Amino acid sequence: MKEQALLAAISRERPVLIAGPTASGKSALAMALAARDGRLIVNADALQVYGCWRVLSARPSLAEEAALPHALYGHVGRDTAYSVGHWLREVLRLLDRPVVIVGGTGLYFSALTEGLAEVPPVPPAVRAEADALRAADFAAMLAGLDAETAARTDLRNPARVQRAWEVLRATGRGLAAWQADTPAPALPVAQAEALVLRPDVAWLNARIDARFHAMIDAGALDEARDTLPLWQPNLPSSRAIGAPELIAHLRGETDLDQAIAAAQLASRRYAKRQRSWFRARMGDWRSISLP
């Protein structure tokens, strides 16, 4: 759909939500809507919240942030605990004005439009125990989940499995049971203009590959070099796509071309996981085919 025709078909009054895989052009559409309607652009990407990764997380540039109002970008320190609950509480304070909420983190959008279970925080001691168990015996961590939670968890996603294990360990109650008590959503899909971008896979993969080369040219390797002395692979901020690969290069474990190829592959795989999430969880969102 041509951009002008797409813009004309999007409400000027309702909050706009834009979900889509990495490199699909979400930010450009959000900026066009913000310029047209005077909207605040609100981040819904779990890695763009971190201040250490402007280039590698594809955050808006300094010029773009200066041209239009943005919120929840780069405001979290690399070592700071930040969850979907933190994000939702911050977003709720912004819904009294025209907004376009844009990003690729499905959990953020589901929390906003479906509600978020109020699970107690996990104590640091339990988190440390979980980190050790995940590294030493992931099969034991899987086996330790309650049956109801295991049936609702992506068991191929170690982070999701660890989160479920931690909740059960810390509270004595399975994550699925907590989720059953989820409160009403703050912004149901029916009250928003909810768009999910569904790009052609070959087109998207080519954009992903080209964008990573552009990131290198724009200073992604310098960002990784600044992070190297502080690198902790288990931090959520260290999940930035391409960060482990560039860190490995800076440690002399691989050459730059190999690191770039590995990061491009990781990005394509991440986009595939995002597309799967959107298919499974966003059937009631309006699909926008690309290119």
C-alpha atoms as a PDB file:
ATOM      1  CA  MET A   1       0.000   0.000   0.000  1.00  0.00           C
ATOM      2  CA  LYS A   2       1.395   3.424  -0.917  1.00  0.00           C
ATOM      3  CA  GLU A   3       2.298   5.561   2.094  1.00  0.00           C
ATOM      4  CA  GLN A   4      -0.153   8.375   1.357  1.00  0.00           C
ATOM      5  CA  ALA A   5      -3.040   5.955   0.857  1.00  0.00           C
ATOM      6  CA  LEU A   6      -2.066   4.148   4.056  1.00  0.00           C
ATOM      7  CA  LEU A   7      -1.903   7.369   6.048  1.00  0.00           C
ATOM      8  CA  ALA A   8      -5.278   8.473   4.731  1.00  0.00           C
ATOM      9  CA  ALA A   9      -6.808   5.208   5.961  1.00  0.00           C
ATOM     10  CA  ILE A  10      -5.518   5.608   9.533  1.00  0.00           C
ATOM     11  CA  SER A  11      -7.612   7.354  12.178  1.00  0.00           C
ATOM     12  CA  ARG A  12      -6.616  10.839  13.254  1.00  0.00           C
ATOM     13  CA  GLU A  13      -8.428  10.499  16.588  1.00  0.00           C
ATOM     14  CA  ARG A  14      -7.741   7.062  18.060  1.00  0.00           C
ATOM     15  CA  PRO A  15      -4.418   5.944  19.555  1.00  0.00           C
ATOM     16  CA  VAL A  16      -2.368   4.179  16.896  1.00  0.00           C
ATOM     17  CA  LEU A  17      -0.388   1.003  17.584  1.00  0.00           C
ATOM     18  CA  ILE A  18       2.196  -0.154  15.031  1.00  0.00           C
ATOM     19  CA  ALA A  19       3.759  -3.587  15.456  1.00  0.00           C
ATOM     20  CA  GLY A  20       6.070  -5.291  13.016  1.00  0.00           C
ATOM     21  CA  PRO A  21       9.318  -7.209  12.670  1.00  0.00           C
ATOM     22  CA  THR A  22      12.697  -5.540  12.795  1.00  0.00           C
ATOM     23  CA  ALA A  23      13.634  -3.422   9.749  1.00  0.00           C
ATOM     24  CA  SER A  24      10.083  -3.372   8.377  1.00  0.00           C
ATOM     25  CA  GLY A  25       9.730   0.434   8.380  1.00  0.00           C
ATOM     26  CA  LYS A  26       7.676   0.893  11.552  1.00  0.00           C
ATOM     27  CA  SER A  27       9.489   4.001  12.728  1.00  0.00           C
ATOM     28  CA  ALA A  28       9.094   5.810   9.415  1.00  0.00           C
ATOM     29  CA  LEU A  29       5.334   5.223   9.475  1.00  0.00           C
ATOM     30  CA  ALA A  30       5.139   6.353  13.106  1.00  0.00           C
ATOM     31  CA  MET A  31       7.001   9.570  12.304  1.00  0.00           C
ATOM     32  CA  ALA A  32       4.717  10.286   9.371  1.00  0.00           C
ATOM     33  CA  LEU A  33       1.674   9.900  11.643  1.00  0.00           C
ATOM     34  CA  ALA A  34       3.247  12.007  14.377  1.00  0.00           C
ATOM     35  CA  ALA A  35       3.962  14.784  11.907  1.00  0.00           C
ATOM     36  CA  ARG A  36       0.446  14.622  10.469  1.00  0.00           C
ATOM     37  CA  ASP A  37      -1.473  14.487  13.755  1.00  0.00           C
ATOM     38  CA  GLY A  38       0.802  16.018  16.379  1.00  0.00           C
ATOM     39  CA  ARG A  39       1.254  12.664  18.095  1.00  0.00           C
ATOM     40  CA  LEU A  40       3.832  11.626  20.661  1.00  0.00           C
ATOM     41  CA  ILE A  41       5.895   8.663  19.377  1.00  0.00           C
ATOM     42  CA  VAL A  42       6.113   6.050  22.142  1.00  0.00           C
ATOM     43  CA  ASN A  43       8.602   3.197  22.039  1.00  0.00           C
ATOM     44  CA  ALA A  44       7.382  -0.411  22.310  1.00  0.00           C
ATOM     45  CA  ASP A  45      10.715  -2.131  21.714  1.00  0.00           C
ATOM     46  CA  ALA A  46      12.380  -3.827  24.680  1.00  0.00           C
ATOM     47  CA  LEU A  47      15.913  -3.031  23.485  1.00  0.00           C
ATOM     48  CA  GLN A  48      15.385   0.553  22.384  1.00  0.00           C
ATOM     49  CA  VAL A  49      14.760   1.523  26.023  1.00  0.00           C
ATOM     50  CA  TYR A  50      18.495   1.131  26.753  1.00  0.00           C
ATOM     51  CA  GLY A  51      20.714   4.161  26.453  1.00  0.00           C
ATOM     52  CA  CYS A  52      23.786   2.154  25.434  1.00  0.00           C
ATOM     53  CA  TRP A  53      22.414   0.977  22.065  1.00  0.00           C
ATOM     54  CA  ARG A  54      21.210   3.829  19.879  1.00  0.00           C
ATOM     55  CA  VAL A  55      22.714   2.499  16.646  1.00  0.00           C
ATOM     56  CA  LEU A  56      22.555  -1.252  17.259  1.00  0.00           C
ATOM     57  CA  SER A  57      18.918  -1.195  18.421  1.00  0.00           C
ATOM     58  CA  ALA A  58      17.909   1.097  15.501  1.00  0.00           C
ATOM     59  CA  ARG A  59      16.623   3.807  17.821  1.00  0.00           C
ATOM     60  CA  PRO A  60      15.580   7.075  16.179  1.00  0.00           C
ATOM     61  CA  SER A  61      18.522   9.346  15.463  1.00  0.00           C
ATOM     62  CA  LEU A  62      19.231  12.495  17.451  1.00  0.00           C
ATOM     63  CA  ALA A  63      17.872  14.539  14.548  1.00  0.00           C
ATOM     64  CA  GLU A  64      14.664  12.499  14.413  1.00  0.00           C
ATOM     65  CA  GLU A  65      14.165  12.825  18.167  1.00  0.00           C
ATOM     66  CA  ALA A  66      14.682  16.566  17.905  1.00  0.00           C
ATOM     67  CA  ALA A  67      12.216  16.923  15.032  1.00  0.00           C
ATOM     68  CA  LEU A  68       9.297  15.102  16.690  1.00  0.00           C
ATOM     69  CA  PRO A  69       8.402  14.269  20.299  1.00  0.00           C
ATOM     70  CA  HIS A  70       9.546  10.790  21.410  1.00  0.00           C
ATOM     71  CA  ALA A  71       9.109   8.927  24.701  1.00  0.00           C
ATOM     72  CA  LEU A  72      10.608   5.832  26.365  1.00  0.00           C
ATOM     73  CA  TYR A  73      13.675   5.700  24.124  1.00  0.00           C
ATOM     74  CA  GLY A  74      17.137   5.261  25.625  1.00  0.00           C
ATOM     75  CA  HIS A  75      16.046   6.154  29.152  1.00  0.00           C
ATOM     76  CA  VAL A  76      17.195   2.978  30.935  1.00  0.00           C
ATOM     77  CA  GLY A  77      20.763   2.191  32.038  1.00  0.00           C
ATOM     78  CA  ARG A  78      22.426  -0.974  30.776  1.00  0.00           C
ATOM     79  CA  ASP A  79      22.426  -2.553  34.272  1.00  0.00           C
ATOM     80  CA  THR A  80      18.918  -1.444  35.261  1.00  0.00           C
ATOM     81  CA  ALA A  81      16.149  -3.989  35.742  1.00  0.00           C
ATOM     82  CA  TYR A  82      13.321  -3.143  33.346  1.00  0.00           C
ATOM     83  CA  SER A  83      10.339  -5.344  32.594  1.00  0.00           C
ATOM     84  CA  VAL A  84       7.105  -5.262  30.659  1.00  0.00           C
ATOM     85  CA  GLY A  85       5.480  -4.097  33.898  1.00  0.00           C
ATOM     86  CA  HIS A  86       7.808  -1.098  34.095  1.00  0.00           C
ATOM     87  CA  TRP A  87       7.017  -0.268  30.484  1.00  0.00           C
ATOM     88  CA  LEU A  88       3.252  -0.553  30.944  1.00  0.00           C
ATOM     89  CA  ARG A  89       3.245   1.721  33.979  1.00  0.00           C
ATOM     90  CA  GLU A  90       5.191   4.346  32.039  1.00  0.00           C
ATOM     91  CA  VAL A  91       2.932   4.088  28.982  1.00  0.00           C
ATOM     92  CA  LEU A  92      -0.224   4.527  31.052  1.00  0.00           C
ATOM     93  CA  ARG A  93       0.978   8.005  32.029  1.00  0.00           C
ATOM     94  CA  LEU A  94       1.167   8.975  28.349  1.00  0.00           C
ATOM     95  CA  LEU A  95      -2.272   7.937  27.135  1.00  0.00           C
ATOM     96  CA  ASP A  96      -3.888  11.286  27.953  1.00  0.00           C
ATOM     97  CA  ARG A  97      -2.497  12.743  24.689  1.00  0.00           C
ATOM     98  CA  PRO A  98      -2.444  11.681  21.023  1.00  0.00           C
ATOM     99  CA  VAL A  99       0.077   8.855  20.671  1.00  0.00           C
ATOM    100  CA  VAL A 100       1.490   6.441  18.154  1.00  0.00           C
ATOM    101  CA  ILE A 101       3.018   3.460  19.959  1.00  0.00           C
ATOM    102  CA  VAL A 102       5.519   1.626  17.792  1.00  0.00           C
ATOM    103  CA  GLY A 103       7.813  -1.355  18.199  1.00  0.00           C
ATOM    104  CA  GLY A 104       8.469  -5.018  17.744  1.00  0.00           C
ATOM    105  CA  THR A 105       8.048  -6.399  21.265  1.00  0.00           C
ATOM    106  CA  GLY A 106       4.858  -8.421  21.243  1.00  0.00           C
ATOM    107  CA  LEU A 107       4.730  -8.755  25.033  1.00  0.00           C
ATOM    108  CA  TYR A 108       4.546  -4.984  25.411  1.00  0.00           C
ATOM    109  CA  PHE A 109       1.565  -4.767  23.073  1.00  0.00           C
ATOM    110  CA  SER A 110      -0.217  -7.727  24.663  1.00  0.00           C
ATOM    111  CA  ALA A 111       0.227  -6.158  28.114  1.00  0.00           C
ATOM    112  CA  LEU A 112      -1.316  -2.927  26.850  1.00  0.00           C
ATOM    113  CA  THR A 113      -4.199  -4.429  24.873  1.00  0.00           C
ATOM    114  CA  GLU A 114      -4.909  -7.651  26.815  1.00  0.00           C
ATOM    115  CA  GLY A 115      -3.859  -6.759  30.371  1.00  0.00           C
ATOM    116  CA  LEU A 116      -0.860  -7.746  32.469  1.00  0.00           C
ATOM    117  CA  ALA A 117      -0.828 -10.151  35.388  1.00  0.00           C
ATOM    118  CA  GLU A 118       0.389  -8.469  38.564  1.00  0.00           C
ATOM    119  CA  VAL A 119       3.128 -10.963  39.400  1.00  0.00           C
ATOM    120  CA  PRO A 120       5.263 -10.113  42.467  1.00  0.00           C
ATOM    121  CA  PRO A 121       8.887  -9.195  41.688  1.00  0.00           C
ATOM    122  CA  VAL A 122      11.426 -12.001  41.752  1.00  0.00           C
ATOM    123  CA  PRO A 123      14.055 -11.590  44.531  1.00  0.00           C
ATOM    124  CA  PRO A 124      17.660 -11.250  43.347  1.00  0.00           C
ATOM    125  CA  ALA A 125      18.628 -14.504  45.112  1.00  0.00           C
ATOM    126  CA  VAL A 126      16.043 -16.440  43.100  1.00  0.00           C
ATOM    127  CA  ARG A 127      17.190 -14.735  39.891  1.00  0.00           C
ATOM    128  CA  ALA A 128      20.789 -15.772  40.623  1.00  0.00           C
ATOM    129  CA  GLU A 129      19.676 -19.338  41.344  1.00  0.00           C
ATOM    130  CA  ALA A 130      17.767 -19.398  38.061  1.00  0.00           C
ATOM    131  CA  ASP A 131      20.739 -18.035  36.103  1.00  0.00           C
ATOM    132  CA  ALA A 132      22.935 -20.808  37.500  1.00  0.00           C
ATOM    133  CA  LEU A 133      20.391 -23.555  36.823  1.00  0.00           C
ATOM    134  CA  ARG A 134      19.725 -22.385  33.284  1.00  0.00           C
ATOM    135  CA  ALA A 135      23.443 -22.466  32.511  1.00  0.00           C
ATOM    136  CA  ALA A 136      24.081 -25.826  34.196  1.00  0.00           C
ATOM    137  CA  ASP A 137      20.941 -27.884  33.558  1.00  0.00           C
ATOM    138  CA  PHE A 138      18.263 -26.323  31.351  1.00  0.00           C
ATOM    139  CA  ALA A 139      16.421 -29.665  31.186  1.00  0.00           C
ATOM    140  CA  ALA A 140      15.995 -29.560  34.969  1.00  0.00           C
ATOM    141  CA  MET A 141      14.597 -26.038  34.706  1.00  0.00           C
ATOM    142  CA  LEU A 142      12.082 -27.253  32.122  1.00  0.00           C
ATOM    143  CA  ALA A 143      11.104 -30.193  34.311  1.00  0.00           C
ATOM    144  CA  GLY A 144      10.575 -27.849  37.244  1.00  0.00           C
ATOM    145  CA  LEU A 145       7.703 -25.946  35.624  1.00  0.00           C
ATOM    146  CA  ASP A 146       4.141 -26.663  36.637  1.00  0.00           C
ATOM    147  CA  ALA A 147       2.106 -28.420  33.960  1.00  0.00           C
ATOM    148  CA  GLU A 148      -0.305 -25.564  33.258  1.00  0.00           C
ATOM    149  CA  THR A 149       2.476 -23.024  32.794  1.00  0.00           C
ATOM    150  CA  ALA A 150       4.563 -25.406  30.697  1.00  0.00           C
ATOM    151  CA  ALA A 151       1.628 -25.908  28.344  1.00  0.00           C
ATOM    152  CA  ARG A 152       1.374 -22.141  27.761  1.00  0.00           C
ATOM    153  CA  THR A 153       5.097 -21.332  27.502  1.00  0.00           C
ATOM    154  CA  ASP A 154       7.351 -21.348  24.455  1.00  0.00           C
ATOM    155  CA  LEU A 155       9.683 -24.056  25.768  1.00  0.00           C
ATOM    156  CA  ARG A 156      12.232 -23.279  23.040  1.00  0.00           C
ATOM    157  CA  ASN A 157      12.701 -19.785  24.479  1.00  0.00           C
ATOM    158  CA  PRO A 158      15.116 -20.011  27.445  1.00  0.00           C
ATOM    159  CA  ALA A 159      14.221 -16.538  28.718  1.00  0.00           C
ATOM    160  CA  ARG A 160      10.504 -17.409  28.886  1.00  0.00           C
ATOM    161  CA  VAL A 161      11.245 -20.727  30.601  1.00  0.00           C
ATOM    162  CA  GLN A 162      13.474 -19.037  33.151  1.00  0.00           C
ATOM    163  CA  ARG A 163      10.855 -16.396  33.872  1.00  0.00           C
ATOM    164  CA  ALA A 164       8.233 -19.101  34.517  1.00  0.00           C
ATOM    165  CA  TRP A 165      10.630 -21.051  36.734  1.00  0.00           C
ATOM    166  CA  GLU A 166      11.537 -17.949  38.745  1.00  0.00           C
ATOM    167  CA  VAL A 167       7.903 -17.040  39.398  1.00  0.00           C
ATOM    168  CA  LEU A 168       7.066 -20.537  40.630  1.00  0.00           C
ATOM    169  CA  ARG A 169      10.181 -20.645  42.796  1.00  0.00           C
ATOM    170  CA  ALA A 170       9.611 -17.191  44.277  1.00  0.00           C
ATOM    171  CA  THR A 171       5.846 -17.323  44.852  1.00  0.00           C
ATOM    172  CA  GLY A 172       4.957 -21.010  45.052  1.00  0.00           C
ATOM    173  CA  ARG A 173       2.380 -20.359  42.358  1.00  0.00           C
ATOM    174  CA  GLY A 174       2.706 -21.013  38.641  1.00  0.00           C
ATOM    175  CA  LEU A 175       2.879 -18.161  36.156  1.00  0.00           C
ATOM    176  CA  ALA A 176      -0.250 -19.456  34.409  1.00  0.00           C
ATOM    177  CA  ALA A 177      -2.208 -19.116  37.652  1.00  0.00           C
ATOM    178  CA  TRP A 178      -1.041 -15.525  38.056  1.00  0.00           C
ATOM    179  CA  GLN A 179      -1.965 -14.814  34.442  1.00  0.00           C
ATOM    180  CA  ALA A 180      -5.477 -16.159  35.045  1.00  0.00           C
ATOM    181  CA  ASP A 181      -6.016 -13.177  37.368  1.00  0.00           C
ATOM    182  CA  THR A 182      -5.014 -10.643  34.720  1.00  0.00           C
ATOM    183  CA  PRO A 183      -6.890  -7.308  35.106  1.00  0.00           C
ATOM    184  CA  ALA A 184      -8.746  -5.584  32.285  1.00  0.00           C
ATOM    185  CA  PRO A 185      -6.513  -4.071  29.591  1.00  0.00           C
ATOM    186  CA  ALA A 186      -5.660  -0.381  29.617  1.00  0.00           C
ATOM    187  CA  LEU A 187      -6.208  -0.014  25.856  1.00  0.00           C
ATOM    188  CA  PRO A 188      -8.254  -2.775  24.197  1.00  0.00           C
ATOM    189  CA  VAL A 189      -7.560  -3.299  20.509  1.00  0.00           C
ATOM    190  CA  ALA A 190     -11.114  -2.211  19.665  1.00  0.00           C
ATOM    191  CA  GLN A 191     -10.387   1.252  21.076  1.00  0.00           C
ATOM    192  CA  ALA A 192      -7.212   1.778  19.022  1.00  0.00           C
ATOM    193  CA  GLU A 193      -6.026   1.782  15.435  1.00  0.00           C
ATOM    194  CA  ALA A 194      -3.964  -1.402  15.739  1.00  0.00           C
ATOM    195  CA  LEU A 195      -1.705  -2.139  12.765  1.00  0.00           C
ATOM    196  CA  VAL A 196       0.701  -5.019  12.239  1.00  0.00           C
ATOM    197  CA  LEU A 197       3.168  -4.846   9.349  1.00  0.00           C
ATOM    198  CA  ARG A 198       3.533  -8.125   7.441  1.00  0.00           C
ATOM    199  CA  PRO A 199       6.417  -7.777   4.985  1.00  0.00           C
ATOM    200  CA  ASP A 200       7.459 -10.135   2.228  1.00  0.00           C
ATOM    201  CA  VAL A 201      10.172 -12.322   3.771  1.00  0.00           C
ATOM    202  CA  ALA A 202      12.756 -11.946   0.982  1.00  0.00           C
ATOM    203  CA  TRP A 203      12.236  -8.160   0.927  1.00  0.00           C
ATOM    204  CA  LEU A 204      12.621  -7.970   4.704  1.00  0.00           C
ATOM    205  CA  ASN A 205      15.729 -10.168   4.813  1.00  0.00           C
ATOM    206  CA  ALA A 206      17.428  -7.965   2.217  1.00  0.00           C
ATOM    207  CA  ARG A 207      16.601  -4.880   4.311  1.00  0.00           C
ATOM    208  CA  ILE A 208      17.941  -6.563   7.458  1.00  0.00           C
ATOM    209  CA  ASP A 209      21.241  -7.411   5.796  1.00  0.00           C
ATOM    210  CA  ALA A 210      21.649  -3.933   4.300  1.00  0.00           C
ATOM    211  CA  ARG A 211      20.706  -2.238   7.563  1.00  0.00           C
ATOM    212  CA  PHE A 212      23.353  -4.067   9.570  1.00  0.00           C
ATOM    213  CA  HIS A 213      26.047  -2.851   7.191  1.00  0.00           C
ATOM    214  CA  ALA A 214      24.615   0.652   7.633  1.00  0.00           C
ATOM    215  CA  MET A 215      24.762   0.203  11.411  1.00  0.00           C
ATOM    216  CA  ILE A 216      28.434  -0.646  11.198  1.00  0.00           C
ATOM    217  CA  ASP A 217      29.036   2.484   9.128  1.00  0.00           C
ATOM    218  CA  ALA A 218      27.048   4.524  11.681  1.00  0.00           C
ATOM    219  CA  GLY A 219      29.095   3.394  14.688  1.00  0.00           C
ATOM    220  CA  ALA A 220      27.650   0.120  15.977  1.00  0.00           C
ATOM    221  CA  LEU A 221      31.142  -1.279  16.482  1.00  0.00           C
ATOM    222  CA  ASP A 222      32.051   1.766  18.577  1.00  0.00           C
ATOM    223  CA  GLU A 223      28.974   1.150  20.755  1.00  0.00           C
ATOM    224  CA  ALA A 224      30.106  -2.423  21.288  1.00  0.00           C
ATOM    225  CA  ARG A 225      33.645  -1.245  22.058  1.00  0.00           C
ATOM    226  CA  ASP A 226      32.275   1.127  24.728  1.00  0.00           C
ATOM    227  CA  THR A 227      30.315  -1.780  26.222  1.00  0.00           C
ATOM    228  CA  LEU A 228      33.160  -4.318  26.132  1.00  0.00           C
ATOM    229  CA  PRO A 229      34.646  -3.508  29.583  1.00  0.00           C
ATOM    230  CA  LEU A 230      31.152  -3.734  31.121  1.00  0.00           C
ATOM    231  CA  TRP A 231      29.846  -6.692  29.110  1.00  0.00           C
ATOM    232  CA  GLN A 232      27.609  -9.099  31.044  1.00  0.00           C
ATOM    233  CA  PRO A 233      25.892 -11.538  28.656  1.00  0.00           C
ATOM    234  CA  ASN A 234      23.039 -12.332  31.052  1.00  0.00           C
ATOM    235  CA  LEU A 235      21.799  -8.737  31.249  1.00  0.00           C
ATOM    236  CA  PRO A 236      18.600  -7.981  29.284  1.00  0.00           C
ATOM    237  CA  SER A 237      20.432  -5.090  27.623  1.00  0.00           C
ATOM    238  CA  SER A 238      22.956  -7.588  26.228  1.00  0.00           C
ATOM    239  CA  ARG A 239      20.240  -9.193  24.097  1.00  0.00           C
ATOM    240  CA  ALA A 240      20.564  -6.454  21.495  1.00  0.00           C
ATOM    241  CA  ILE A 241      20.709  -8.257  18.161  1.00  0.00           C
ATOM    242  CA  GLY A 242      24.301  -8.167  16.946  1.00  0.00           C
ATOM    243  CA  ALA A 243      25.827  -7.244  20.302  1.00  0.00           C
ATOM    244  CA  PRO A 244      27.205 -10.722  21.192  1.00  0.00           C
ATOM    245  CA  GLU A 245      28.636 -11.082  17.698  1.00  0.00           C
ATOM    246  CA  LEU A 246      30.408  -7.715  17.769  1.00  0.00           C
ATOM    247  CA  ILE A 247      31.695  -8.358  21.284  1.00  0.00           C
ATOM    248  CA  ALA A 248      33.108 -11.688  20.074  1.00  0.00           C
ATOM    249  CA  HIS A 249      34.900  -9.839  17.266  1.00  0.00           C
ATOM    250  CA  LEU A 250      36.351  -7.272  19.648  1.00  0.00           C
ATOM    251  CA  ARG A 251      37.649 -10.103  21.823  1.00  0.00           C
ATOM    252  CA  GLY A 252      39.492 -11.529  18.840  1.00  0.00           C
ATOM    253  CA  GLU A 253      37.264 -14.594  18.568  1.00  0.00           C
ATOM    254  CA  THR A 254      36.120 -13.865  15.011  1.00  0.00           C
ATOM    255  CA  ASP A 255      36.872 -11.439  12.218  1.00  0.00           C
ATOM    256  CA  LEU A 256      34.551  -8.555  11.375  1.00  0.00           C
ATOM    257  CA  ASP A 257      33.039 -10.116   8.249  1.00  0.00           C
ATOM    258  CA  GLN A 258      32.161 -13.254  10.217  1.00  0.00           C
ATOM    259  CA  ALA A 259      30.661 -11.150  13.010  1.00  0.00           C
ATOM    260  CA  ILE A 260      28.533  -9.189  10.552  1.00  0.00           C
ATOM    261  CA  ALA A 261      27.293 -12.363   8.848  1.00  0.00           C
ATOM    262  CA  ALA A 262      26.426 -13.922  12.213  1.00  0.00           C
ATOM    263  CA  ALA A 263      24.603 -10.773  13.345  1.00  0.00           C
ATOM    264  CA  GLN A 264      22.627 -10.640  10.093  1.00  0.00           C
ATOM    265  CA  LEU A 265      21.606 -14.265  10.579  1.00  0.00           C
ATOM    266  CA  ALA A 266      20.577 -13.558  14.180  1.00  0.00           C
ATOM    267  CA  SER A 267      18.508 -10.597  12.970  1.00  0.00           C
ATOM    268  CA  ARG A 268      16.738 -12.681  10.342  1.00  0.00           C
ATOM    269  CA  ARG A 269      15.959 -15.364  12.917  1.00  0.00           C
ATOM    270  CA  TYR A 270      14.666 -12.747  15.326  1.00  0.00           C
ATOM    271  CA  ALA A 271      12.390 -11.341  12.617  1.00  0.00           C
ATOM    272  CA  LYS A 272      11.061 -14.853  12.002  1.00  0.00           C
ATOM    273  CA  ARG A 273      10.197 -15.229  15.695  1.00  0.00           C
ATOM    274  CA  GLN A 274       8.475 -11.842  15.633  1.00  0.00           C
ATOM    275  CA  ARG A 275       6.401 -12.803  12.591  1.00  0.00           C
ATOM    276  CA  SER A 276       5.354 -16.028  14.316  1.00  0.00           C
ATOM    277  CA  TRP A 277       4.267 -14.090  17.407  1.00  0.00           C
ATOM    278  CA  PHE A 278       2.255 -11.611  15.360  1.00  0.00           C
ATOM    279  CA  ARG A 279       0.500 -14.414  13.452  1.00  0.00           C
ATOM    280  CA  ALA A 280      -0.392 -16.227  16.653  1.00  0.00           C
ATOM    281  CA  ARG A 281      -1.346 -13.274  18.857  1.00  0.00           C
ATOM    282  CA  MET A 282      -2.441 -10.404  16.613  1.00  0.00           C
ATOM    283  CA  GLY A 283      -5.167 -11.909  14.487  1.00  0.00           C
ATOM    284  CA  ASP A 284      -7.524  -9.059  15.430  1.00  0.00           C
ATOM    285  CA  TRP A 285      -5.033  -6.366  14.326  1.00  0.00           C
ATOM    286  CA  ARG A 286      -5.235  -4.820  10.879  1.00  0.00           C
ATOM    287  CA  SER A 287      -2.573  -6.323   8.631  1.00  0.00           C
ATOM    288  CA  ILE A 288      -0.480  -4.130   6.344  1.00  0.00           C
ATOM    289  CA  SER A 289       1.297  -6.074   3.614  1.00  0.00           C
ATOM    290  CA  LEU A 290       4.739  -4.893   2.518  1.00  0.00           C
ATOM    291  CA  PRO A 291       6.368  -3.884   0.255  1.00  0.00           C
END
